[in-house]
């Protein structure tokens, strides 16, 4: 099985999620450092849809200016556009497999799609 993780190596939860994936020999892991290579608004929309959450549920509030920008009350399209242009606004880690996608907070949520 292939798994793609949108990863921030400075984030403990992201590192723990990646470790779960790497410790399973049956998983081929693709690591995307989303701060360097952000997903498009369209890809984010698809990931959140597949995870069963709204874009605002994937909006990182801590350590960002999301509140000051009014993003918690913005439309899905505005949130996705902001995330695509300023990826620090993306809560991490996001993981996608053939079984779906998850925002892996806590990291054990990744097990639902393996």
PDB file of N, CA and C in Angstrom:
ATOM      1  N   UNK A   1       0.835  -1.175   0.000  1.00  0.00           N
ATOM      2  CA  UNK A   1       0.000   0.000   0.000  1.00  0.00           C
ATOM      3  C   UNK A   1       0.885   1.245   0.000  1.00  0.00           C
ATOM      4  N   UNK A   2       0.432   2.264  -0.690  1.00  0.00           N
ATOM      5  CA  UNK A   2       1.146   3.538  -0.721  1.00  0.00           C
ATOM      6  C   UNK A   2       0.459   4.533   0.221  1.00  0.00           C
ATOM      7  N   UNK A   3       1.253   5.295   0.941  1.00  0.00           N
ATOM      8  CA  UNK A   3       0.750   6.356   1.808  1.00  0.00           C
ATOM      9  C   UNK A   3       1.539   7.626   1.518  1.00  0.00           C
ATOM     10  N   UNK A   4       0.819   8.721   1.385  1.00  0.00           N
ATOM     11  CA  UNK A   4       1.459  10.026   1.231  1.00  0.00           C
ATOM     12  C   UNK A   4       1.184  10.820   2.496  1.00  0.00           C
ATOM     13  N   UNK A   5       2.239  11.371   3.077  1.00  0.00           N
ATOM     14  CA  UNK A   5       2.106  12.197   4.272  1.00  0.00           C
ATOM     15  C   UNK A   5       2.568  13.606   3.943  1.00  0.00           C
ATOM     16  N   UNK A   6       1.720  14.580   4.255  1.00  0.00           N
ATOM     17  CA  UNK A   6       2.102  15.989   4.157  1.00  0.00           C
ATOM     18  C   UNK A   6       2.654  16.320   5.541  1.00  0.00           C
ATOM     19  N   UNK A   7       3.958  16.497   5.585  1.00  0.00           N
ATOM     20  CA  UNK A   7       4.756  16.398   6.805  1.00  0.00           C
ATOM     21  C   UNK A   7       5.494  17.699   7.104  1.00  0.00           C
ATOM     22  N   UNK A   8       5.613  17.986   8.402  1.00  0.00           N
ATOM     23  CA  UNK A   8       6.475  19.059   8.887  1.00  0.00           C
ATOM     24  C   UNK A   8       7.459  18.403   9.848  1.00  0.00           C
ATOM     25  N   UNK A   9       8.731  18.295   9.478  1.00  0.00           N
ATOM     26  CA  UNK A   9       9.692  17.596  10.334  1.00  0.00           C
ATOM     27  C   UNK A   9       9.906  18.257  11.696  1.00  0.00           C
ATOM     28  N   UNK A  10       9.474  19.500  11.871  1.00  0.00           N
ATOM     29  CA  UNK A  10       9.614  20.177  13.167  1.00  0.00           C
ATOM     30  C   UNK A  10       8.460  19.856  14.121  1.00  0.00           C
ATOM     31  N   UNK A  11       7.428  19.175  13.636  1.00  0.00           N
ATOM     32  CA  UNK A  11       6.235  18.872  14.419  1.00  0.00           C
ATOM     33  C   UNK A  11       6.326  17.467  15.004  1.00  0.00           C
ATOM     34  N   UNK A  12       6.188  17.359  16.315  1.00  0.00           N
ATOM     35  CA  UNK A  12       6.272  16.063  16.984  1.00  0.00           C
ATOM     36  C   UNK A  12       5.193  15.092  16.533  1.00  0.00           C
ATOM     37  N   UNK A  13       3.962  15.561  16.380  1.00  0.00           N
ATOM     38  CA  UNK A  13       2.879  14.679  15.942  1.00  0.00           C
ATOM     39  C   UNK A  13       3.136  14.186  14.520  1.00  0.00           C
ATOM     40  N   UNK A  14       3.649  15.056  13.687  1.00  0.00           N
ATOM     41  CA  UNK A  14       3.970  14.673  12.317  1.00  0.00           C
ATOM     42  C   UNK A  14       5.094  13.629  12.305  1.00  0.00           C
ATOM     43  N   UNK A  15       6.103  13.819  13.125  1.00  0.00           N
ATOM     44  CA  UNK A  15       7.202  12.847  13.197  1.00  0.00           C
ATOM     45  C   UNK A  15       6.704  11.500  13.710  1.00  0.00           C
ATOM     46  N   UNK A  16       5.820  11.514  14.707  1.00  0.00           N
ATOM     47  CA  UNK A  16       5.279  10.259  15.254  1.00  0.00           C
ATOM     48  C   UNK A  16       4.434   9.533  14.215  1.00  0.00           C
ATOM     49  N   UNK A  17       3.647  10.278  13.444  1.00  0.00           N
ATOM     50  CA  UNK A  17       2.825   9.674  12.397  1.00  0.00           C
ATOM     51  C   UNK A  17       3.715   9.054  11.328  1.00  0.00           C
ATOM     52  N   UNK A  18       4.743   9.769  10.931  1.00  0.00           N
ATOM     53  CA  UNK A  18       5.683   9.246   9.937  1.00  0.00           C
ATOM     54  C   UNK A  18       6.359   7.974  10.462  1.00  0.00           C
ATOM     55  N   UNK A  19       6.710   7.944  11.726  1.00  0.00           N
ATOM     56  CA  UNK A  19       7.343   6.758  12.307  1.00  0.00           C
ATOM     57  C   UNK A  19       6.407   5.553  12.242  1.00  0.00           C
ATOM     58  N   UNK A  20       5.122   5.756  12.508  1.00  0.00           N
ATOM     59  CA  UNK A  20       4.152   4.659  12.393  1.00  0.00           C
ATOM     60  C   UNK A  20       4.171   4.108  10.975  1.00  0.00           C
ATOM     61  N   UNK A  21       4.119   5.005   9.995  1.00  0.00           N
ATOM     62  CA  UNK A  21       4.108   4.585   8.598  1.00  0.00           C
ATOM     63  C   UNK A  21       5.394   3.859   8.212  1.00  0.00           C
ATOM     64  N   UNK A  22       6.529   4.401   8.640  1.00  0.00           N
ATOM     65  CA  UNK A  22       7.824   3.811   8.264  1.00  0.00           C
ATOM     66  C   UNK A  22       8.079   2.472   8.946  1.00  0.00           C
ATOM     67  N   UNK A  23       7.434   2.228  10.072  1.00  0.00           N
ATOM     68  CA  UNK A  23       7.639   0.972  10.791  1.00  0.00           C
ATOM     69  C   UNK A  23       6.802  -0.173  10.232  1.00  0.00           C
ATOM     70  N   UNK A  24       5.953   0.108   9.272  1.00  0.00           N
ATOM     71  CA  UNK A  24       5.142  -0.935   8.643  1.00  0.00           C
ATOM     72  C   UNK A  24       5.745  -1.275   7.286  1.00  0.00           C
ATOM     73  N   UNK A  25       6.285  -2.466   7.167  1.00  0.00           N
ATOM     74  CA  UNK A  25       6.990  -2.841   5.942  1.00  0.00           C
ATOM     75  C   UNK A  25       6.071  -2.894   4.723  1.00  0.00           C
ATOM     76  N   UNK A  26       4.776  -3.023   4.939  1.00  0.00           N
ATOM     77  CA  UNK A  26       3.838  -3.115   3.823  1.00  0.00           C
ATOM     78  C   UNK A  26       3.454  -1.750   3.254  1.00  0.00           C
ATOM     79  N   UNK A  27       3.977  -0.669   3.830  1.00  0.00           N
ATOM     80  CA  UNK A  27       3.613   0.689   3.413  1.00  0.00           C
ATOM     81  C   UNK A  27       4.775   1.327   2.652  1.00  0.00           C
ATOM     82  N   UNK A  28       4.473   1.808   1.447  1.00  0.00           N
ATOM     83  CA  UNK A  28       5.416   2.586   0.648  1.00  0.00           C
ATOM     84  C   UNK A  28       5.090   4.053   0.929  1.00  0.00           C
ATOM     85  N   UNK A  29       5.962   4.741   1.646  1.00  0.00           N
ATOM     86  CA  UNK A  29       5.675   6.095   2.130  1.00  0.00           C
ATOM     87  C   UNK A  29       6.279   7.153   1.220  1.00  0.00           C
ATOM     88  N   UNK A  30       5.443   8.088   0.812  1.00  0.00           N
ATOM     89  CA  UNK A  30       5.905   9.289   0.112  1.00  0.00           C
ATOM     90  C   UNK A  30       5.773  10.448   1.093  1.00  0.00           C
ATOM     91  N   UNK A  31       6.864  11.133   1.346  1.00  0.00           N
ATOM     92  CA  UNK A  31       6.881  12.248   2.284  1.00  0.00           C
ATOM     93  C   UNK A  31       6.912  13.546   1.492  1.00  0.00           C
ATOM     94  N   UNK A  32       5.937  14.395   1.760  1.00  0.00           N
ATOM     95  CA  UNK A  32       5.884  15.717   1.132  1.00  0.00           C
ATOM     96  C   UNK A  32       6.020  16.745   2.245  1.00  0.00           C
ATOM     97  N   UNK A  33       7.110  17.496   2.220  1.00  0.00           N
ATOM     98  CA  UNK A  33       7.262  18.581   3.189  1.00  0.00           C
ATOM     99  C   UNK A  33       6.424  19.754   2.682  1.00  0.00           C
ATOM    100  N   UNK A  34       5.218  19.844   3.199  1.00  0.00           N
ATOM    101  CA  UNK A  34       4.221  20.756   2.644  1.00  0.00           C
ATOM    102  C   UNK A  34       4.589  22.231   2.775  1.00  0.00           C
ATOM    103  N   UNK A  35       5.476  22.573   3.690  1.00  0.00           N
ATOM    104  CA  UNK A  35       5.897  23.975   3.782  1.00  0.00           C
ATOM    105  C   UNK A  35       6.775  24.355   2.592  1.00  0.00           C
ATOM    106  N   UNK A  36       7.492  23.356   2.033  1.00  0.00           N
ATOM    107  CA  UNK A  36       8.334  23.586   0.853  1.00  0.00           C
ATOM    108  C   UNK A  36       7.580  23.318  -0.442  1.00  0.00           C
ATOM    109  N   UNK A  37       6.649  22.383  -0.401  1.00  0.00           N
ATOM    110  CA  UNK A  37       5.909  21.949  -1.586  1.00  0.00           C
ATOM    111  C   UNK A  37       4.428  21.842  -1.217  1.00  0.00           C
ATOM    112  N   UNK A  38       3.744  22.983  -1.087  1.00  0.00           N
ATOM    113  CA  UNK A  38       2.358  22.956  -0.605  1.00  0.00           C
ATOM    114  C   UNK A  38       1.385  22.346  -1.615  1.00  0.00           C
ATOM    115  N   UNK A  39       0.377  21.655  -1.095  1.00  0.00           N
ATOM    116  CA  UNK A  39      -0.662  21.138  -1.983  1.00  0.00           C
ATOM    117  C   UNK A  39      -1.514  22.287  -2.512  1.00  0.00           C
ATOM    118  N   UNK A  40      -2.127  22.063  -3.656  1.00  0.00           N
ATOM    119  CA  UNK A  40      -3.021  23.070  -4.238  1.00  0.00           C
ATOM    120  C   UNK A  40      -4.314  23.137  -3.435  1.00  0.00           C
ATOM    121  N   UNK A  41      -5.060  24.187  -3.644  1.00  0.00           N
ATOM    122  CA  UNK A  41      -6.372  24.320  -3.005  1.00  0.00           C
ATOM    123  C   UNK A  41      -7.258  23.142  -3.399  1.00  0.00           C
ATOM    124  N   UNK A  42      -7.164  22.707  -4.656  1.00  0.00           N
ATOM    125  CA  UNK A  42      -7.974  21.586  -5.130  1.00  0.00           C
ATOM    126  C   UNK A  42      -7.582  20.285  -4.422  1.00  0.00           C
ATOM    127  N   UNK A  43      -6.284  20.064  -4.249  1.00  0.00           N
ATOM    128  CA  UNK A  43      -5.822  18.857  -3.565  1.00  0.00           C
ATOM    129  C   UNK A  43      -6.260  18.888  -2.109  1.00  0.00           C
ATOM    130  N   UNK A  44      -6.131  20.042  -1.458  1.00  0.00           N
ATOM    131  CA  UNK A  44      -6.582  20.159  -0.066  1.00  0.00           C
ATOM    132  C   UNK A  44      -8.072  19.876   0.051  1.00  0.00           C
ATOM    133  N   UNK A  45      -8.862  20.421  -0.866  1.00  0.00           N
ATOM    134  CA  UNK A  45     -10.314  20.190  -0.845  1.00  0.00           C
ATOM    135  C   UNK A  45     -10.600  18.696  -0.937  1.00  0.00           C
ATOM    136  N   UNK A  46      -9.893  18.002  -1.833  1.00  0.00           N
ATOM    137  CA  UNK A  46     -10.083  16.557  -1.997  1.00  0.00           C
ATOM    138  C   UNK A  46      -9.667  15.800  -0.730  1.00  0.00           C
ATOM    139  N   UNK A  47      -8.543  16.176  -0.125  1.00  0.00           N
ATOM    140  CA  UNK A  47      -8.085  15.510   1.096  1.00  0.00           C
ATOM    141  C   UNK A  47      -9.090  15.682   2.230  1.00  0.00           C
ATOM    142  N   UNK A  48      -9.577  16.893   2.420  1.00  0.00           N
ATOM    143  CA  UNK A  48     -10.541  17.135   3.500  1.00  0.00           C
ATOM    144  C   UNK A  48     -11.856  16.415   3.228  1.00  0.00           C
ATOM    145  N   UNK A  49     -12.290  16.407   1.974  1.00  0.00           N
ATOM    146  CA  UNK A  49     -13.516  15.687   1.603  1.00  0.00           C
ATOM    147  C   UNK A  49     -13.339  14.200   1.917  1.00  0.00           C
ATOM    148  N   UNK A  50     -12.188  13.631   1.507  1.00  0.00           N
ATOM    149  CA  UNK A  50     -11.926  12.215   1.756  1.00  0.00           C
ATOM    150  C   UNK A  50     -11.784  11.904   3.245  1.00  0.00           C
ATOM    151  N   UNK A  51     -11.358  12.884   4.016  1.00  0.00           N
ATOM    152  CA  UNK A  51     -11.226  12.706   5.463  1.00  0.00           C
ATOM    153  C   UNK A  51     -12.552  12.939   6.191  1.00  0.00           C
ATOM    154  N   UNK A  52     -13.536  13.467   5.475  1.00  0.00           N
ATOM    155  CA  UNK A  52     -14.839  13.723   6.087  1.00  0.00           C
ATOM    156  C   UNK A  52     -14.858  14.943   6.987  1.00  0.00           C
ATOM    157  N   UNK A  53     -13.980  15.905   6.690  1.00  0.00           N
ATOM    158  CA  UNK A  53     -13.938  17.126   7.496  1.00  0.00           C
ATOM    159  C   UNK A  53     -14.029  18.345   6.583  1.00  0.00           C
ATOM    160  N   UNK A  54     -14.373  19.464   7.168  1.00  0.00           N
ATOM    161  CA  UNK A  54     -14.430  20.728   6.436  1.00  0.00           C
ATOM    162  C   UNK A  54     -13.044  21.372   6.435  1.00  0.00           C
ATOM    163  N   UNK A  55     -12.754  22.209   5.430  1.00  0.00           N
ATOM    164  CA  UNK A  55     -11.458  22.894   5.407  1.00  0.00           C
ATOM    165  C   UNK A  55     -11.146  23.632   6.709  1.00  0.00           C
ATOM    166  N   UNK A  56     -12.136  24.230   7.349  1.00  0.00           N
ATOM    167  CA  UNK A  56     -11.847  24.961   8.602  1.00  0.00           C
ATOM    168  C   UNK A  56     -11.369  24.016   9.698  1.00  0.00           C
ATOM    169  N   UNK A  57     -11.744  22.717   9.609  1.00  0.00           N
ATOM    170  CA  UNK A  57     -11.257  21.731  10.576  1.00  0.00           C
ATOM    171  C   UNK A  57      -9.770  21.442  10.375  1.00  0.00           C
ATOM    172  N   UNK A  58      -9.267  21.737   9.190  1.00  0.00           N
ATOM    173  CA  UNK A  58      -7.856  21.539   8.886  1.00  0.00           C
ATOM    174  C   UNK A  58      -7.046  22.818   8.949  1.00  0.00           C
ATOM    175  N   UNK A  59      -7.653  23.874   9.466  1.00  0.00           N
ATOM    176  CA  UNK A  59      -6.992  25.182   9.566  1.00  0.00           C
ATOM    177  C   UNK A  59      -6.168  25.246  10.848  1.00  0.00           C
ATOM    178  N   UNK A  60      -4.889  25.491  10.704  1.00  0.00           N
ATOM    179  CA  UNK A  60      -4.014  25.602  11.875  1.00  0.00           C
ATOM    180  C   UNK A  60      -4.176  26.990  12.485  1.00  0.00           C
ATOM    181  N   UNK A  61      -4.576  27.022  13.729  1.00  0.00           N
ATOM    182  CA  UNK A  61      -4.783  28.288  14.432  1.00  0.00           C
ATOM    183  C   UNK A  61      -3.546  28.667  15.260  1.00  0.00           C
ATOM    184  N   UNK A  62      -2.983  27.658  15.933  1.00  0.00           N
ATOM    185  CA  UNK A  62      -1.856  27.924  16.831  1.00  0.00           C
ATOM    186  C   UNK A  62      -0.618  28.316  16.032  1.00  0.00           C
ATOM    187  N   UNK A  63      -0.022  29.430  16.408  1.00  0.00           N
ATOM    188  CA  UNK A  63       1.214  29.859  15.767  1.00  0.00           C
ATOM    189  C   UNK A  63       1.025  30.490  14.397  1.00  0.00           C
ATOM    190  N   UNK A  64      -0.223  30.837  14.066  1.00  0.00           N
ATOM    191  CA  UNK A  64      -0.492  31.468  12.773  1.00  0.00           C
ATOM    192  C   UNK A  64      -1.309  32.747  12.993  1.00  0.00           C
ATOM    193  N   UNK A  65      -1.523  33.466  11.907  1.00  0.00           N
ATOM    194  CA  UNK A  65      -2.357  34.672  11.969  1.00  0.00           C
ATOM    195  C   UNK A  65      -3.758  34.411  11.410  1.00  0.00           C
ATOM    196  N   UNK A  66      -4.195  33.151  11.462  1.00  0.00           N
ATOM    197  CA  UNK A  66      -5.503  32.775  10.902  1.00  0.00           C
ATOM    198  C   UNK A  66      -6.641  33.573  11.533  1.00  0.00           C
ATOM    199  N   UNK A  67      -6.595  33.743  12.824  1.00  0.00           N
ATOM    200  CA  UNK A  67      -7.648  34.489  13.531  1.00  0.00           C
ATOM    201  C   UNK A  67      -7.682  35.941  13.068  1.00  0.00           C
ATOM    202  N   UNK A  68      -6.518  36.574  13.031  1.00  0.00           N
ATOM    203  CA  UNK A  68      -6.439  37.978  12.613  1.00  0.00           C
ATOM    204  C   UNK A  68      -6.901  38.160  11.168  1.00  0.00           C
ATOM    205  N   UNK A  69      -6.710  37.158  10.349  1.00  0.00           N
ATOM    206  CA  UNK A  69      -7.128  37.227   8.955  1.00  0.00           C
ATOM    207  C   UNK A  69      -8.609  36.917   8.765  1.00  0.00           C
ATOM    208  N   UNK A  70      -9.280  36.545   9.855  1.00  0.00           N
ATOM    209  CA  UNK A  70     -10.701  36.236   9.766  1.00  0.00           C
ATOM    210  C   UNK A  70     -11.002  34.887   9.141  1.00  0.00           C
ATOM    211  N   UNK A  71     -10.027  34.012   9.070  1.00  0.00           N
ATOM    212  CA  UNK A  71     -10.216  32.731   8.392  1.00  0.00           C
ATOM    213  C   UNK A  71     -11.189  31.774   9.084  1.00  0.00           C
ATOM    214  N   UNK A  72     -11.306  31.790  10.414  1.00  0.00           N
ATOM    215  CA  UNK A  72     -12.286  30.881  11.018  1.00  0.00           C
ATOM    216  C   UNK A  72     -13.724  31.133  10.535  1.00  0.00           C
ATOM    217  N   UNK A  73     -14.006  32.334  10.096  1.00  0.00           N
ATOM    218  CA  UNK A  73     -15.349  32.675   9.617  1.00  0.00           C
ATOM    219  C   UNK A  73     -15.426  32.791   8.103  1.00  0.00           C
ATOM    220  N   UNK A  74     -14.349  32.469   7.413  1.00  0.00           N
ATOM    221  CA  UNK A  74     -14.294  32.605   5.956  1.00  0.00           C
ATOM    222  C   UNK A  74     -14.963  31.403   5.278  1.00  0.00           C
ATOM    223  N   UNK A  75     -15.202  31.536   3.991  1.00  0.00           N
ATOM    224  CA  UNK A  75     -15.780  30.435   3.215  1.00  0.00           C
ATOM    225  C   UNK A  75     -14.723  29.349   3.017  1.00  0.00           C
ATOM    226  N   UNK A  76     -15.181  28.157   2.657  1.00  0.00           N
ATOM    227  CA  UNK A  76     -14.252  27.059   2.377  1.00  0.00           C
ATOM    228  C   UNK A  76     -13.253  27.457   1.298  1.00  0.00           C
ATOM    229  N   UNK A  77     -13.742  28.112   0.258  1.00  0.00           N
ATOM    230  CA  UNK A  77     -12.865  28.510  -0.847  1.00  0.00           C
ATOM    231  C   UNK A  77     -11.793  29.486  -0.391  1.00  0.00           C
ATOM    232  N   UNK A  78     -12.166  30.434   0.469  1.00  0.00           N
ATOM    233  CA  UNK A  78     -11.192  31.402   0.988  1.00  0.00           C
ATOM    234  C   UNK A  78     -10.157  30.715   1.879  1.00  0.00           C
ATOM    235  N   UNK A  79     -10.608  29.780   2.699  1.00  0.00           N
ATOM    236  CA  UNK A  79      -9.692  29.052   3.579  1.00  0.00           C
ATOM    237  C   UNK A  79      -8.709  28.234   2.743  1.00  0.00           C
ATOM    238  N   UNK A  80      -9.222  27.514   1.753  1.00  0.00           N
ATOM    239  CA  UNK A  80      -8.361  26.680   0.908  1.00  0.00           C
ATOM    240  C   UNK A  80      -7.350  27.528   0.137  1.00  0.00           C
ATOM    241  N   UNK A  81      -7.785  28.669  -0.377  1.00  0.00           N
ATOM    242  CA  UNK A  81      -6.872  29.553  -1.106  1.00  0.00           C
ATOM    243  C   UNK A  81      -5.783  30.076  -0.171  1.00  0.00           C
ATOM    244  N   UNK A  82      -6.163  30.437   1.054  1.00  0.00           N
ATOM    245  CA  UNK A  82      -5.175  30.930   2.022  1.00  0.00           C
ATOM    246  C   UNK A  82      -4.170  29.842   2.374  1.00  0.00           C
ATOM    247  N   UNK A  83      -4.648  28.615   2.573  1.00  0.00           N
ATOM    248  CA  UNK A  83      -3.757  27.499   2.897  1.00  0.00           C
ATOM    249  C   UNK A  83      -2.782  27.213   1.753  1.00  0.00           C
ATOM    250  N   UNK A  84      -3.286  27.237   0.528  1.00  0.00           N
ATOM    251  CA  UNK A  84      -2.433  26.945  -0.623  1.00  0.00           C
ATOM    252  C   UNK A  84      -1.353  28.002  -0.801  1.00  0.00           C
ATOM    253  N   UNK A  85      -1.688  29.262  -0.496  1.00  0.00           N
ATOM    254  CA  UNK A  85      -0.705  30.331  -0.675  1.00  0.00           C
ATOM    255  C   UNK A  85       0.195  30.519   0.551  1.00  0.00           C
ATOM    256  N   UNK A  86      -0.268  30.087   1.711  1.00  0.00           N
ATOM    257  CA  UNK A  86       0.490  30.236   2.951  1.00  0.00           C
ATOM    258  C   UNK A  86       0.367  28.925   3.739  1.00  0.00           C
ATOM    259  N   UNK A  87       1.151  27.902   3.379  1.00  0.00           N
ATOM    260  CA  UNK A  87       0.942  26.550   3.914  1.00  0.00           C
ATOM    261  C   UNK A  87       1.136  26.398   5.419  1.00  0.00           C
ATOM    262  N   UNK A  88       1.662  27.404   6.101  1.00  0.00           N
ATOM    263  CA  UNK A  88       1.748  27.328   7.564  1.00  0.00           C
ATOM    264  C   UNK A  88       0.347  27.221   8.169  1.00  0.00           C
ATOM    265  N   UNK A  89      -0.673  27.593   7.391  1.00  0.00           N
ATOM    266  CA  UNK A  89      -2.063  27.539   7.848  1.00  0.00           C
ATOM    267  C   UNK A  89      -2.654  26.129   7.799  1.00  0.00           C
ATOM    268  N   UNK A  90      -1.929  25.182   7.229  1.00  0.00           N
ATOM    269  CA  UNK A  90      -2.407  23.802   7.111  1.00  0.00           C
ATOM    270  C   UNK A  90      -2.055  23.037   8.385  1.00  0.00           C
ATOM    271  N   UNK A  91      -3.071  22.508   9.058  1.00  0.00           N
ATOM    272  CA  UNK A  91      -2.817  21.657  10.230  1.00  0.00           C
ATOM    273  C   UNK A  91      -2.203  20.357   9.734  1.00  0.00           C
ATOM    274  N   UNK A  92      -1.299  19.810  10.500  1.00  0.00           N
ATOM    275  CA  UNK A  92      -0.566  18.632  10.066  1.00  0.00           C
ATOM    276  C   UNK A  92      -0.612  17.562  11.133  1.00  0.00           C
ATOM    277  N   UNK A  93      -0.279  16.346  10.706  1.00  0.00           N
ATOM    278  CA  UNK A  93      -0.002  15.868   9.357  1.00  0.00           C
ATOM    279  C   UNK A  93      -1.268  15.345   8.670  1.00  0.00           C
ATOM    280  N   UNK A  94      -1.299  15.499   7.385  1.00  0.00           N
ATOM    281  CA  UNK A  94      -2.345  14.896   6.556  1.00  0.00           C
ATOM    282  C   UNK A  94      -1.756  13.644   5.926  1.00  0.00           C
ATOM    283  N   UNK A  95      -2.509  12.565   5.930  1.00  0.00           N
ATOM    284  CA  UNK A  95      -2.058  11.317   5.313  1.00  0.00           C
ATOM    285  C   UNK A  95      -3.159  10.812   4.391  1.00  0.00           C
ATOM    286  N   UNK A  96      -2.738  10.348   3.213  1.00  0.00           N
ATOM    287  CA  UNK A  96      -3.673   9.801   2.237  1.00  0.00           C
ATOM    288  C   UNK A  96      -3.210   8.407   1.816  1.00  0.00           C
ATOM    289  N   UNK A  97      -4.149   7.464   1.796  1.00  0.00           N
ATOM    290  CA  UNK A  97      -3.915   6.122   1.255  1.00  0.00           C
ATOM    291  C   UNK A  97      -5.091   5.788   0.345  1.00  0.00           C
ATOM    292  N   UNK A  98      -5.060   4.604  -0.227  1.00  0.00           N
ATOM    293  CA  UNK A  98      -6.179   4.178  -1.071  1.00  0.00           C
ATOM    294  C   UNK A  98      -7.468   4.011  -0.266  1.00  0.00           C
ATOM    295  N   UNK A  99      -7.365   3.949   1.056  1.00  0.00           N
ATOM    296  CA  UNK A  99      -8.534   3.794   1.923  1.00  0.00           C
ATOM    297  C   UNK A  99      -9.107   5.120   2.397  1.00  0.00           C
ATOM    298  N   UNK A 100      -8.474   6.242   2.033  1.00  0.00           N
ATOM    299  CA  UNK A 100      -8.984   7.546   2.434  1.00  0.00           C
ATOM    300  C   UNK A 100      -7.883   8.473   2.904  1.00  0.00           C
ATOM    301  N   UNK A 101      -8.303   9.505   3.605  1.00  0.00           N
ATOM    302  CA  UNK A 101      -7.367  10.509   4.133  1.00  0.00           C
ATOM    303  C   UNK A 101      -7.725  10.801   5.580  1.00  0.00           C
ATOM    304  N   UNK A 102      -6.732  11.235   6.328  1.00  0.00           N
ATOM    305  CA  UNK A 102      -6.949  11.621   7.725  1.00  0.00           C
ATOM    306  C   UNK A 102      -6.033  12.780   8.083  1.00  0.00           C
ATOM    307  N   UNK A 103      -6.569  13.670   8.905  1.00  0.00           N
ATOM    308  CA  UNK A 103      -5.759  14.646   9.615  1.00  0.00           C
ATOM    309  C   UNK A 103      -5.366  13.921  10.892  1.00  0.00           C
ATOM    310  N   UNK A 104      -4.117  13.546  11.011  1.00  0.00           N
ATOM    311  CA  UNK A 104      -3.670  12.610  12.049  1.00  0.00           C
ATOM    312  C   UNK A 104      -3.273  13.314  13.333  1.00  0.00           C
ATOM    313  N   UNK A 105      -4.249  13.896  13.971  1.00  0.00           N
ATOM    314  CA  UNK A 105      -4.099  14.481  15.295  1.00  0.00           C
ATOM    315  C   UNK A 105      -5.167  13.861  16.167  1.00  0.00           C
ATOM    316  N   UNK A 106      -4.884  12.879  16.979  1.00  0.00           N
ATOM    317  CA  UNK A 106      -3.564  12.336  17.291  1.00  0.00           C
ATOM    318  C   UNK A 106      -3.064  11.393  16.198  1.00  0.00           C
ATOM    319  N   UNK A 107      -1.802  11.046  16.290  1.00  0.00           N
ATOM    320  CA  UNK A 107      -1.145  10.272  15.245  1.00  0.00           C
ATOM    321  C   UNK A 107      -1.784   8.909  15.008  1.00  0.00           C
ATOM    322  N   UNK A 108      -2.417   8.324  16.010  1.00  0.00           N
ATOM    323  CA  UNK A 108      -3.007   6.998  15.850  1.00  0.00           C
ATOM    324  C   UNK A 108      -4.167   6.973  14.855  1.00  0.00           C
ATOM    325  N   UNK A 109      -4.706   8.134  14.481  1.00  0.00           N
ATOM    326  CA  UNK A 109      -5.768   8.166  13.475  1.00  0.00           C
ATOM    327  C   UNK A 109      -5.307   7.598  12.144  1.00  0.00           C
ATOM    328  N   UNK A 110      -4.007   7.592  11.908  1.00  0.00           N
ATOM    329  CA  UNK A 110      -3.490   7.046  10.651  1.00  0.00           C
ATOM    330  C   UNK A 110      -3.851   5.567  10.511  1.00  0.00           C
ATOM    331  N   UNK A 111      -3.995   4.871  11.609  1.00  0.00           N
ATOM    332  CA  UNK A 111      -4.301   3.435  11.555  1.00  0.00           C
ATOM    333  C   UNK A 111      -5.662   3.167  10.906  1.00  0.00           C
ATOM    334  N   UNK A 112      -6.558   4.141  10.924  1.00  0.00           N
ATOM    335  CA  UNK A 112      -7.888   3.980  10.318  1.00  0.00           C
ATOM    336  C   UNK A 112      -7.824   3.808   8.802  1.00  0.00           C
ATOM    337  N   UNK A 113      -6.745   4.262   8.170  1.00  0.00           N
ATOM    338  CA  UNK A 113      -6.680   4.209   6.710  1.00  0.00           C
ATOM    339  C   UNK A 113      -5.547   3.302   6.221  1.00  0.00           C
ATOM    340  N   UNK A 114      -5.089   2.412   7.078  1.00  0.00           N
ATOM    341  CA  UNK A 114      -4.028   1.472   6.680  1.00  0.00           C
ATOM    342  C   UNK A 114      -4.617   0.074   6.515  1.00  0.00           C
TER     343      UNK A 114
END
